[in-house]
Amino acid sequence: MDKGQCVSRSVRLNVNSLAKSGRHEGAYQRMSVRCLVMDYDGTISPIHVARSESSVPLETRVVLQQISKSIPVSIITTKDLQFITSRTPFAKAWSAIGGLEMRVGGRILRNESLESTWSAVSQALNCVRLHLTAIGMEIEEKQDSEGRTVAFCIDWRRAKNSEKAIDEADRVLDYCELLGLRVFKYENQPFCDVYPFAPDKGKALQNMLSELAVKAGVMYLGDSVTDNSAFRISNISIGVIHSETRLSSLECDYFVTFENVPIFLRSLVAHGLRFTSDFPMIDINSIGSVRLGRECC
């Protein structure tokens, strides 16, 4: 192979077949990272903090700023642009509200179908405010760049009576579904989301890479089942482990603990942004289906 010529391929493998063949522990991968894309909550910011206190820890922020000088660093999140851009100034692009709105540099791209859903979202939000705020439920409104609420999150972790909060939330969510909105509940989680359309981080990632003109060398970090569609189309995918991570639900190549994220990123920098699967803080995903992305240069 000529120097500088790259060959990239993605192979989807089953853990059981790897174990039987004896290749699981010995599998070795490497890739030159050309674009780093990440989720926000639970991936590069702590999961158990109030919205107003959410931020990227200094150690992580410093190394991401360093990486951003060499390759595009991007964020895909269910938060809105107003929330995320000020907290991640090192990023070049952001896909917000699960892909409903994207900002690349100074350009903002919006889902053209949003206008037809504003009335339904407004009705649902009025119902939520009327029935849920009085019992201690927190409502996180997700607004587009023009200040219109296009989705929202209901959080009852600080509710005065959690059982009553859940019952009331179920009633309100039934109404949201009658309005044609998409309701997303998460197993054993004290919150749920209401969207006009199903968020798709995989599609959001594809759109972002198209805007950035990136075709290979994509690394994606995320911490939940909502990141699976992005894991599947990235070259190397890394699940971030914290107290609420459901390991068996993640379709990623590798795992790293939240505490080790800045250490992992520093190792990436120390290796010239070249990922190798023998980084000491990285564990291979041996729980579910593993997609091994390989690139050699």
Foldseek 3Di string as FASTA:
>chain_A
DDPPDKDWDWFWFWLVVCVVVVCVVVDKFKFQAAEEEEEAALWQWDPPDDLVPIAGDPLQLVLLLVVLVRHAYEYEYLAAPVSPCVRRVSHQKYQYNLNQWIDGHHDIDGDPCQVVCLVLQVVLVVLCVVQQVVQPWDKAFHAYPVGGGAKIKIACPPGPDLVVNVVSVVVSVVSSVVSVWDKADDPPHRMIMIHNDDRAVLVSVVVVCVVVVHDANYEYEEAELSCQSVQVPHLAYEHEDDPPGDLLNHAGQKYAYSVCVSVVSVVCVVVVVMDMQVPPRIGGSSRGIHMHIHMDD
